[in-house]
Amino acid sequence: MLYVPIVLVFYESEANQTKLWNILAIYAWVDNSIGYVQGMNDICSPMVILMENEADTFWCFERAMHRLRKFQVQCTFYWGAISVEYTYRNNESC
């Protein structure tokens, strides 16, 4: 039996791909200080799969991104290795 992750099956539908694209594009437009960065699709994808309403999915994603902005991520590259440090920013409002 071939194992196919449910995410891959879900996104075989062009309508589901469009839903994810719409949410990410609108978020990039609304929060233009960040726009779109790598990995946002990984955060948004479970919400798209679980929620039927596109508007509700957008606002859920927007709130998640708002909360994640409290963390500052600093990546340092050392000869092929990556060091990632997460710092909580206390001075930013929720």
PDB file of N, CA and C in Angstrom:
ATOM      1  N   MET A   1       0.848  -1.176   0.000  1.00  0.00           N
ATOM      2  CA  MET A   1       0.000   0.000   0.000  1.00  0.00           C
ATOM      3  C   MET A   1       0.893   1.239   0.000  1.00  0.00           C
ATOM      4  N   LEU A   2       0.595   2.189  -0.864  1.00  0.00           N
ATOM      5  CA  LEU A   2       1.353   3.426  -0.982  1.00  0.00           C
ATOM      6  C   LEU A   2       0.804   4.453  -0.006  1.00  0.00           C
ATOM      7  N   TYR A   3       1.685   5.022   0.787  1.00  0.00           N
ATOM      8  CA  TYR A   3       1.276   6.050   1.747  1.00  0.00           C
ATOM      9  C   TYR A   3       1.379   7.421   1.089  1.00  0.00           C
ATOM     10  N   VAL A   4       0.272   8.147   1.049  1.00  0.00           N
ATOM     11  CA  VAL A   4       0.244   9.507   0.502  1.00  0.00           C
ATOM     12  C   VAL A   4      -0.262  10.430   1.608  1.00  0.00           C
ATOM     13  N   PRO A   5       0.558  11.391   2.030  1.00  0.00           N
ATOM     14  CA  PRO A   5       0.100  12.312   3.076  1.00  0.00           C
ATOM     15  C   PRO A   5      -1.174  13.034   2.655  1.00  0.00           C
ATOM     16  N   ILE A   6      -2.068  13.236   3.594  1.00  0.00           N
ATOM     17  CA  ILE A   6      -3.361  13.857   3.317  1.00  0.00           C
ATOM     18  C   ILE A   6      -3.191  15.255   2.734  1.00  0.00           C
ATOM     19  N   VAL A   7      -2.126  15.960   3.106  1.00  0.00           N
ATOM     20  CA  VAL A   7      -1.890  17.308   2.597  1.00  0.00           C
ATOM     21  C   VAL A   7      -1.708  17.275   1.083  1.00  0.00           C
ATOM     22  N   LEU A   8      -0.962  16.306   0.585  1.00  0.00           N
ATOM     23  CA  LEU A   8      -0.733  16.222  -0.853  1.00  0.00           C
ATOM     24  C   LEU A   8      -2.037  15.936  -1.594  1.00  0.00           C
ATOM     25  N   VAL A   9      -2.864  15.079  -1.048  1.00  0.00           N
ATOM     26  CA  VAL A   9      -4.148  14.757  -1.669  1.00  0.00           C
ATOM     27  C   VAL A   9      -5.056  15.985  -1.646  1.00  0.00           C
ATOM     28  N   PHE A  10      -5.075  16.685  -0.542  1.00  0.00           N
ATOM     29  CA  PHE A  10      -5.913  17.877  -0.395  1.00  0.00           C
ATOM     30  C   PHE A  10      -5.567  18.918  -1.451  1.00  0.00           C
ATOM     31  N   TYR A  11      -4.301  19.118  -1.698  1.00  0.00           N
ATOM     32  CA  TYR A  11      -3.878  20.163  -2.635  1.00  0.00           C
ATOM     33  C   TYR A  11      -3.835  19.703  -4.091  1.00  0.00           C
ATOM     34  N   GLU A  12      -4.331  18.498  -4.378  1.00  0.00           N
ATOM     35  CA  GLU A  12      -4.520  18.110  -5.775  1.00  0.00           C
ATOM     36  C   GLU A  12      -5.663  18.906  -6.399  1.00  0.00           C
ATOM     37  N   SER A  13      -6.559  19.384  -5.562  1.00  0.00           N
ATOM     38  CA  SER A  13      -7.679  20.200  -6.022  1.00  0.00           C
ATOM     39  C   SER A  13      -7.201  21.640  -6.246  1.00  0.00           C
ATOM     40  N   GLU A  14      -7.473  22.156  -7.434  1.00  0.00           N
ATOM     41  CA  GLU A  14      -7.071  23.527  -7.743  1.00  0.00           C
ATOM     42  C   GLU A  14      -7.806  24.531  -6.848  1.00  0.00           C
ATOM     43  N   ALA A  15      -9.022  24.214  -6.459  1.00  0.00           N
ATOM     44  CA  ALA A  15      -9.784  25.095  -5.570  1.00  0.00           C
ATOM     45  C   ALA A  15      -9.090  25.230  -4.213  1.00  0.00           C
ATOM     46  N   ASN A  16      -8.541  24.139  -3.689  1.00  0.00           N
ATOM     47  CA  ASN A  16      -7.834  24.185  -2.411  1.00  0.00           C
ATOM     48  C   ASN A  16      -6.515  24.938  -2.536  1.00  0.00           C
ATOM     49  N   GLN A  17      -5.820  24.772  -3.649  1.00  0.00           N
ATOM     50  CA  GLN A  17      -4.584  25.532  -3.892  1.00  0.00           C
ATOM     51  C   GLN A  17      -4.892  27.027  -3.956  1.00  0.00           C
ATOM     52  N   THR A  18      -5.978  27.364  -4.632  1.00  0.00           N
ATOM     53  CA  THR A  18      -6.380  28.763  -4.773  1.00  0.00           C
ATOM     54  C   THR A  18      -6.735  29.365  -3.423  1.00  0.00           C
ATOM     55  N   LYS A  19      -7.402  28.596  -2.588  1.00  0.00           N
ATOM     56  CA  LYS A  19      -7.777  29.069  -1.248  1.00  0.00           C
ATOM     57  C   LYS A  19      -6.527  29.429  -0.442  1.00  0.00           C
ATOM     58  N   LEU A  20      -5.522  28.564  -0.459  1.00  0.00           N
ATOM     59  CA  LEU A  20      -4.275  28.844   0.251  1.00  0.00           C
ATOM     60  C   LEU A  20      -3.590  30.071  -0.345  1.00  0.00           C
ATOM     61  N   TRP A  21      -3.517  30.134  -1.674  1.00  0.00           N
ATOM     62  CA  TRP A  21      -2.866  31.255  -2.337  1.00  0.00           C
ATOM     63  C   TRP A  21      -3.565  32.566  -1.993  1.00  0.00           C
ATOM     64  N   ASN A  22      -4.904  32.575  -2.020  1.00  0.00           N
ATOM     65  CA  ASN A  22      -5.665  33.790  -1.706  1.00  0.00           C
ATOM     66  C   ASN A  22      -5.367  34.295  -0.305  1.00  0.00           C
ATOM     67  N   ILE A  23      -5.356  33.391   0.656  1.00  0.00           N
ATOM     68  CA  ILE A  23      -5.115  33.783   2.048  1.00  0.00           C
ATOM     69  C   ILE A  23      -3.713  34.368   2.200  1.00  0.00           C
ATOM     70  N   LEU A  24      -2.720  33.709   1.623  1.00  0.00           N
ATOM     71  CA  LEU A  24      -1.346  34.201   1.739  1.00  0.00           C
ATOM     72  C   LEU A  24      -1.153  35.518   0.989  1.00  0.00           C
ATOM     73  N   ALA A  25      -1.772  35.665  -0.171  1.00  0.00           N
ATOM     74  CA  ALA A  25      -1.645  36.902  -0.947  1.00  0.00           C
ATOM     75  C   ALA A  25      -2.306  38.073  -0.232  1.00  0.00           C
ATOM     76  N   ILE A  26      -3.488  37.847   0.334  1.00  0.00           N
ATOM     77  CA  ILE A  26      -4.175  38.917   1.057  1.00  0.00           C
ATOM     78  C   ILE A  26      -3.398  39.289   2.306  1.00  0.00           C
ATOM     79  N   TYR A  27      -2.853  38.295   3.012  1.00  0.00           N
ATOM     80  CA  TYR A  27      -2.057  38.605   4.199  1.00  0.00           C
ATOM     81  C   TYR A  27      -0.836  39.445   3.830  1.00  0.00           C
ATOM     82  N   ALA A  28      -0.166  39.092   2.748  1.00  0.00           N
ATOM     83  CA  ALA A  28       1.013  39.852   2.310  1.00  0.00           C
ATOM     84  C   ALA A  28       0.628  41.284   1.966  1.00  0.00           C
ATOM     85  N   TRP A  29      -0.560  41.488   1.453  1.00  0.00           N
ATOM     86  CA  TRP A  29      -1.038  42.824   1.117  1.00  0.00           C
ATOM     87  C   TRP A  29      -1.431  43.594   2.374  1.00  0.00           C
ATOM     88  N   VAL A  30      -2.105  42.930   3.311  1.00  0.00           N
ATOM     89  CA  VAL A  30      -2.563  43.581   4.541  1.00  0.00           C
ATOM     90  C   VAL A  30      -1.385  43.937   5.449  1.00  0.00           C
ATOM     91  N   ASP A  31      -0.454  43.014   5.614  1.00  0.00           N
ATOM     92  CA  ASP A  31       0.708  43.245   6.487  1.00  0.00           C
ATOM     93  C   ASP A  31       1.949  43.405   5.608  1.00  0.00           C
ATOM     94  N   ASN A  32       2.030  44.539   4.943  1.00  0.00           N
ATOM     95  CA  ASN A  32       3.127  44.743   4.000  1.00  0.00           C
ATOM     96  C   ASN A  32       4.474  44.995   4.660  1.00  0.00           C
ATOM     97  N   SER A  33       4.504  45.121   5.975  1.00  0.00           N
ATOM     98  CA  SER A  33       5.797  45.244   6.659  1.00  0.00           C
ATOM     99  C   SER A  33       6.556  43.913   6.629  1.00  0.00           C
ATOM    100  N   ILE A  34       5.819  42.820   6.530  1.00  0.00           N
ATOM    101  CA  ILE A  34       6.429  41.500   6.408  1.00  0.00           C
ATOM    102  C   ILE A  34       6.230  40.956   4.999  1.00  0.00           C
ATOM    103  N   GLY A  35       5.032  41.098   4.459  1.00  0.00           N
ATOM    104  CA  GLY A  35       4.732  40.520   3.152  1.00  0.00           C
ATOM    105  C   GLY A  35       4.603  39.016   3.280  1.00  0.00           C
ATOM    106  N   TYR A  36       5.227  38.300   2.355  1.00  0.00           N
ATOM    107  CA  TYR A  36       5.242  36.839   2.422  1.00  0.00           C
ATOM    108  C   TYR A  36       6.665  36.389   2.665  1.00  0.00           C
ATOM    109  N   VAL A  37       6.838  35.481   3.599  1.00  0.00           N
ATOM    110  CA  VAL A  37       8.162  34.894   3.851  1.00  0.00           C
ATOM    111  C   VAL A  37       8.031  33.375   3.825  1.00  0.00           C
ATOM    112  N   GLN A  38       9.155  32.742   3.554  1.00  0.00           N
ATOM    113  CA  GLN A  38       9.191  31.292   3.463  1.00  0.00           C
ATOM    114  C   GLN A  38       8.660  30.665   4.748  1.00  0.00           C
ATOM    115  N   GLY A  39       7.812  29.695   4.614  1.00  0.00           N
ATOM    116  CA  GLY A  39       7.284  28.971   5.757  1.00  0.00           C
ATOM    117  C   GLY A  39       5.866  29.362   6.145  1.00  0.00           C
ATOM    118  N   MET A  40       5.391  30.502   5.642  1.00  0.00           N
ATOM    119  CA  MET A  40       4.017  30.901   5.968  1.00  0.00           C
ATOM    120  C   MET A  40       3.015  29.874   5.466  1.00  0.00           C
ATOM    121  N   ASN A  41       3.301  29.264   4.336  1.00  0.00           N
ATOM    122  CA  ASN A  41       2.394  28.241   3.810  1.00  0.00           C
ATOM    123  C   ASN A  41       2.306  27.051   4.753  1.00  0.00           C
ATOM    124  N   ASP A  42       3.401  26.734   5.454  1.00  0.00           N
ATOM    125  CA  ASP A  42       3.384  25.621   6.406  1.00  0.00           C
ATOM    126  C   ASP A  42       2.535  25.941   7.635  1.00  0.00           C
ATOM    127  N   ILE A  43       2.460  27.207   7.993  1.00  0.00           N
ATOM    128  CA  ILE A  43       1.638  27.629   9.124  1.00  0.00           C
ATOM    129  C   ILE A  43       0.171  27.684   8.710  1.00  0.00           C
ATOM    130  N   CYS A  44      -0.085  28.164   7.521  1.00  0.00           N
ATOM    131  CA  CYS A  44      -1.455  28.372   7.045  1.00  0.00           C
ATOM    132  C   CYS A  44      -2.131  27.087   6.562  1.00  0.00           C
ATOM    133  N   SER A  45      -1.367  26.178   6.018  1.00  0.00           N
ATOM    134  CA  SER A  45      -1.928  24.986   5.385  1.00  0.00           C
ATOM    135  C   SER A  45      -2.849  24.162   6.297  1.00  0.00           C
ATOM    136  N   PRO A  46      -2.473  23.868   7.538  1.00  0.00           N
ATOM    137  CA  PRO A  46      -3.404  23.111   8.398  1.00  0.00           C
ATOM    138  C   PRO A  46      -4.724  23.841   8.631  1.00  0.00           C
ATOM    139  N   MET A  47      -4.669  25.173   8.684  1.00  0.00           N
ATOM    140  CA  MET A  47      -5.892  25.952   8.876  1.00  0.00           C
ATOM    141  C   MET A  47      -6.795  25.836   7.654  1.00  0.00           C
ATOM    142  N   VAL A  48      -6.192  25.862   6.465  1.00  0.00           N
ATOM    143  CA  VAL A  48      -6.961  25.725   5.223  1.00  0.00           C
ATOM    144  C   VAL A  48      -7.627  24.354   5.163  1.00  0.00           C
ATOM    145  N   ILE A  49      -6.915  23.342   5.598  1.00  0.00           N
ATOM    146  CA  ILE A  49      -7.450  21.980   5.565  1.00  0.00           C
ATOM    147  C   ILE A  49      -8.600  21.813   6.565  1.00  0.00           C
ATOM    148  N   LEU A  50      -8.465  22.405   7.741  1.00  0.00           N
ATOM    149  CA  LEU A  50      -9.448  22.194   8.808  1.00  0.00           C
ATOM    150  C   LEU A  50     -10.658  23.117   8.756  1.00  0.00           C
ATOM    151  N   MET A  51     -10.498  24.295   8.166  1.00  0.00           N
ATOM    152  CA  MET A  51     -11.576  25.278   8.174  1.00  0.00           C
ATOM    153  C   MET A  51     -12.173  25.416   6.776  1.00  0.00           C
ATOM    154  N   GLU A  52     -13.491  25.461   6.701  1.00  0.00           N
ATOM    155  CA  GLU A  52     -14.158  25.556   5.400  1.00  0.00           C
ATOM    156  C   GLU A  52     -14.249  26.983   4.888  1.00  0.00           C
ATOM    157  N   ASN A  53     -14.496  27.932   5.769  1.00  0.00           N
ATOM    158  CA  ASN A  53     -14.713  29.316   5.372  1.00  0.00           C
ATOM    159  C   ASN A  53     -13.370  30.027   5.160  1.00  0.00           C
ATOM    160  N   GLU A  54     -13.176  30.570   3.971  1.00  0.00           N
ATOM    161  CA  GLU A  54     -11.905  31.214   3.637  1.00  0.00           C
ATOM    162  C   GLU A  54     -11.645  32.457   4.485  1.00  0.00           C
ATOM    163  N   ALA A  55     -12.678  33.230   4.767  1.00  0.00           N
ATOM    164  CA  ALA A  55     -12.516  34.434   5.586  1.00  0.00           C
ATOM    165  C   ALA A  55     -12.110  34.066   7.015  1.00  0.00           C
ATOM    166  N   ASP A  56     -12.763  33.059   7.583  1.00  0.00           N
ATOM    167  CA  ASP A  56     -12.399  32.611   8.928  1.00  0.00           C
ATOM    168  C   ASP A  56     -10.967  32.092   8.962  1.00  0.00           C
ATOM    169  N   THR A  57     -10.576  31.390   7.914  1.00  0.00           N
ATOM    170  CA  THR A  57      -9.214  30.866   7.824  1.00  0.00           C
ATOM    171  C   THR A  57      -8.210  32.004   7.768  1.00  0.00           C
ATOM    172  N   PHE A  58      -8.528  33.036   6.988  1.00  0.00           N
ATOM    173  CA  PHE A  58      -7.633  34.193   6.901  1.00  0.00           C
ATOM    174  C   PHE A  58      -7.432  34.829   8.270  1.00  0.00           C
ATOM    175  N   TRP A  59      -8.521  35.087   8.985  1.00  0.00           N
ATOM    176  CA  TRP A  59      -8.404  35.774  10.277  1.00  0.00           C
ATOM    177  C   TRP A  59      -7.715  34.896  11.321  1.00  0.00           C
ATOM    178  N   CYS A  60      -7.904  33.611  11.250  1.00  0.00           N
ATOM    179  CA  CYS A  60      -7.182  32.693  12.138  1.00  0.00           C
ATOM    180  C   CYS A  60      -5.678  32.768  11.844  1.00  0.00           C
ATOM    181  N   PHE A  61      -5.327  32.751  10.565  1.00  0.00           N
ATOM    182  CA  PHE A  61      -3.920  32.868  10.161  1.00  0.00           C
ATOM    183  C   PHE A  61      -3.348  34.223  10.563  1.00  0.00           C
ATOM    184  N   GLU A  62      -4.119  35.280  10.373  1.00  0.00           N
ATOM    185  CA  GLU A  62      -3.659  36.625  10.729  1.00  0.00           C
ATOM    186  C   GLU A  62      -3.352  36.718  12.224  1.00  0.00           C
ATOM    187  N   ARG A  63      -4.212  36.139  13.051  1.00  0.00           N
ATOM    188  CA  ARG A  63      -3.988  36.155  14.506  1.00  0.00           C
ATOM    189  C   ARG A  63      -2.760  35.327  14.870  1.00  0.00           C
ATOM    190  N   ALA A  64      -2.587  34.187  14.227  1.00  0.00           N
ATOM    191  CA  ALA A  64      -1.412  33.350  14.489  1.00  0.00           C
ATOM    192  C   ALA A  64      -0.133  34.106  14.129  1.00  0.00           C
ATOM    193  N   MET A  65      -0.132  34.779  12.992  1.00  0.00           N
ATOM    194  CA  MET A  65       1.044  35.544  12.584  1.00  0.00           C
ATOM    195  C   MET A  65       1.291  36.701  13.537  1.00  0.00           C
ATOM    196  N   HIS A  66       0.224  37.327  14.008  1.00  0.00           N
ATOM    197  CA  HIS A  66       0.366  38.420  14.974  1.00  0.00           C
ATOM    198  C   HIS A  66       1.065  37.933  16.238  1.00  0.00           C
ATOM    199  N   ARG A  67       0.681  36.758  16.708  1.00  0.00           N
ATOM    200  CA  ARG A  67       1.309  36.195  17.910  1.00  0.00           C
ATOM    201  C   ARG A  67       2.750  35.769  17.652  1.00  0.00           C
ATOM    202  N   LEU A  68       3.013  35.234  16.462  1.00  0.00           N
ATOM    203  CA  LEU A  68       4.365  34.792  16.132  1.00  0.00           C
ATOM    204  C   LEU A  68       5.333  35.959  15.965  1.00  0.00           C
ATOM    205  N   ARG A  69       4.821  37.139  15.665  1.00  0.00           N
ATOM    206  CA  ARG A  69       5.692  38.307  15.501  1.00  0.00           C
ATOM    207  C   ARG A  69       6.358  38.708  16.811  1.00  0.00           C
ATOM    208  N   LYS A  70       5.882  38.188  17.925  1.00  0.00           N
ATOM    209  CA  LYS A  70       6.507  38.479  19.217  1.00  0.00           C
ATOM    210  C   LYS A  70       7.866  37.814  19.358  1.00  0.00           C
ATOM    211  N   PHE A  71       8.162  36.885  18.473  1.00  0.00           N
ATOM    212  CA  PHE A  71       9.427  36.182  18.537  1.00  0.00           C
ATOM    213  C   PHE A  71      10.351  36.670  17.432  1.00  0.00           C
ATOM    214  N   GLN A  72      11.548  36.960  17.813  1.00  0.00           N
ATOM    215  CA  GLN A  72      12.545  37.383  16.839  1.00  0.00           C
ATOM    216  C   GLN A  72      13.439  36.183  16.567  1.00  0.00           C
ATOM    217  N   VAL A  73      13.585  35.835  15.314  1.00  0.00           N
ATOM    218  CA  VAL A  73      14.393  34.684  14.932  1.00  0.00           C
ATOM    219  C   VAL A  73      15.690  35.185  14.324  1.00  0.00           C
ATOM    220  N   GLN A  74      16.780  34.708  14.854  1.00  0.00           N
ATOM    221  CA  GLN A  74      18.086  35.082  14.322  1.00  0.00           C
ATOM    222  C   GLN A  74      18.784  33.803  13.883  1.00  0.00           C
ATOM    223  N   CYS A  75      19.154  33.757  12.620  1.00  0.00           N
ATOM    224  CA  CYS A  75      19.849  32.601  12.075  1.00  0.00           C
ATOM    225  C   CYS A  75      21.294  32.968  11.791  1.00  0.00           C
ATOM    226  N   THR A  76      22.193  32.117  12.213  1.00  0.00           N
ATOM    227  CA  THR A  76      23.608  32.316  11.953  1.00  0.00           C
ATOM    228  C   THR A  76      24.133  31.080  11.243  1.00  0.00           C
ATOM    229  N   PHE A  77      24.892  31.287  10.179  1.00  0.00           N
ATOM    230  CA  PHE A  77      25.428  30.180   9.400  1.00  0.00           C
ATOM    231  C   PHE A  77      26.902  29.972   9.752  1.00  0.00           C
ATOM    232  N   TYR A  78      27.249  28.741  10.116  1.00  0.00           N
ATOM    233  CA  TYR A  78      28.624  28.363  10.430  1.00  0.00           C
ATOM    234  C   TYR A  78      29.061  27.241   9.515  1.00  0.00           C
ATOM    235  N   TRP A  79      29.789  27.527   8.507  1.00  0.00           N
ATOM    236  CA  TRP A  79      30.383  26.524   7.632  1.00  0.00           C
ATOM    237  C   TRP A  79      29.458  25.346   7.361  1.00  0.00           C
ATOM    238  N   GLY A  80      28.277  25.622   6.880  1.00  0.00           N
ATOM    239  CA  GLY A  80      27.333  24.565   6.514  1.00  0.00           C
ATOM    240  C   GLY A  80      26.355  24.190   7.607  1.00  0.00           C
ATOM    241  N   ALA A  81      26.547  24.686   8.807  1.00  0.00           N
ATOM    242  CA  ALA A  81      25.611  24.407   9.898  1.00  0.00           C
ATOM    243  C   ALA A  81      24.813  25.672  10.185  1.00  0.00           C
ATOM    244  N   ILE A  82      23.618  25.506  10.680  1.00  0.00           N
ATOM    245  CA  ILE A  82      22.763  26.648  10.974  1.00  0.00           C
ATOM    246  C   ILE A  82      22.472  26.679  12.470  1.00  0.00           C
ATOM    247  N   SER A  83      22.671  27.824  13.074  1.00  0.00           N
ATOM    248  CA  SER A  83      22.309  28.033  14.467  1.00  0.00           C
ATOM    249  C   SER A  83      21.101  28.963  14.485  1.00  0.00           C
ATOM    250  N   VAL A  84      20.025  28.539  15.125  1.00  0.00           N
ATOM    251  CA  VAL A  84      18.811  29.345  15.181  1.00  0.00           C
ATOM    252  C   VAL A  84      18.549  29.714  16.629  1.00  0.00           C
ATOM    253  N   GLU A  85      18.317  31.000  16.862  1.00  0.00           N
ATOM    254  CA  GLU A  85      18.061  31.481  18.209  1.00  0.00           C
ATOM    255  C   GLU A  85      16.739  32.232  18.214  1.00  0.00           C
ATOM    256  N   TYR A  86      15.843  31.874  19.133  1.00  0.00           N
ATOM    257  CA  TYR A  86      14.556  32.531  19.258  1.00  0.00           C
ATOM    258  C   TYR A  86      14.589  33.430  20.488  1.00  0.00           C
ATOM    259  N   THR A  87      14.175  34.662  20.322  1.00  0.00           N
ATOM    260  CA  THR A  87      14.152  35.614  21.419  1.00  0.00           C
ATOM    261  C   THR A  87      12.751  36.191  21.526  1.00  0.00           C
ATOM    262  N   TYR A  88      12.209  36.202  22.717  1.00  0.00           N
ATOM    263  CA  TYR A  88      10.891  36.785  22.939  1.00  0.00           C
ATOM    264  C   TYR A  88      11.047  38.286  23.103  1.00  0.00           C
ATOM    265  N   ARG A  89      10.267  39.055  22.340  1.00  0.00           N
ATOM    266  CA  ARG A  89      10.308  40.505  22.422  1.00  0.00           C
ATOM    267  C   ARG A  89       9.234  40.974  23.393  1.00  0.00           C
ATOM    268  N   ASN A  90       9.630  41.413  24.566  1.00  0.00           N
ATOM    269  CA  ASN A  90       8.667  41.848  25.576  1.00  0.00           C
ATOM    270  C   ASN A  90       8.056  43.204  25.271  1.00  0.00           C
ATOM    271  N   ASN A  91       8.740  44.011  24.497  1.00  0.00           N
ATOM    272  CA  ASN A  91       8.257  45.362  24.280  1.00  0.00           C
ATOM    273  C   ASN A  91       7.208  45.470  23.185  1.00  0.00           C
ATOM    274  N   GLU A  92       6.830  44.392  22.536  1.00  0.00           N
ATOM    275  CA  GLU A  92       5.836  44.447  21.472  1.00  0.00           C
ATOM    276  C   GLU A  92       4.475  44.086  22.032  1.00  0.00           C
ATOM    277  N   SER A  93       3.489  44.857  21.660  1.00  0.00           N
ATOM    278  CA  SER A  93       2.137  44.609  22.165  1.00  0.00           C
ATOM    279  C   SER A  93       1.462  43.482  21.404  1.00  0.00           C
ATOM    280  N   CYS A  94       0.546  42.813  22.082  1.00  0.00           N
ATOM    281  CA  CYS A  94      -0.208  41.731  21.431  1.00  0.00           C
ATOM    282  C   CYS A  94      -1.340  42.303  20.644  1.00  0.00           C
TER     283      CYS A  94
END
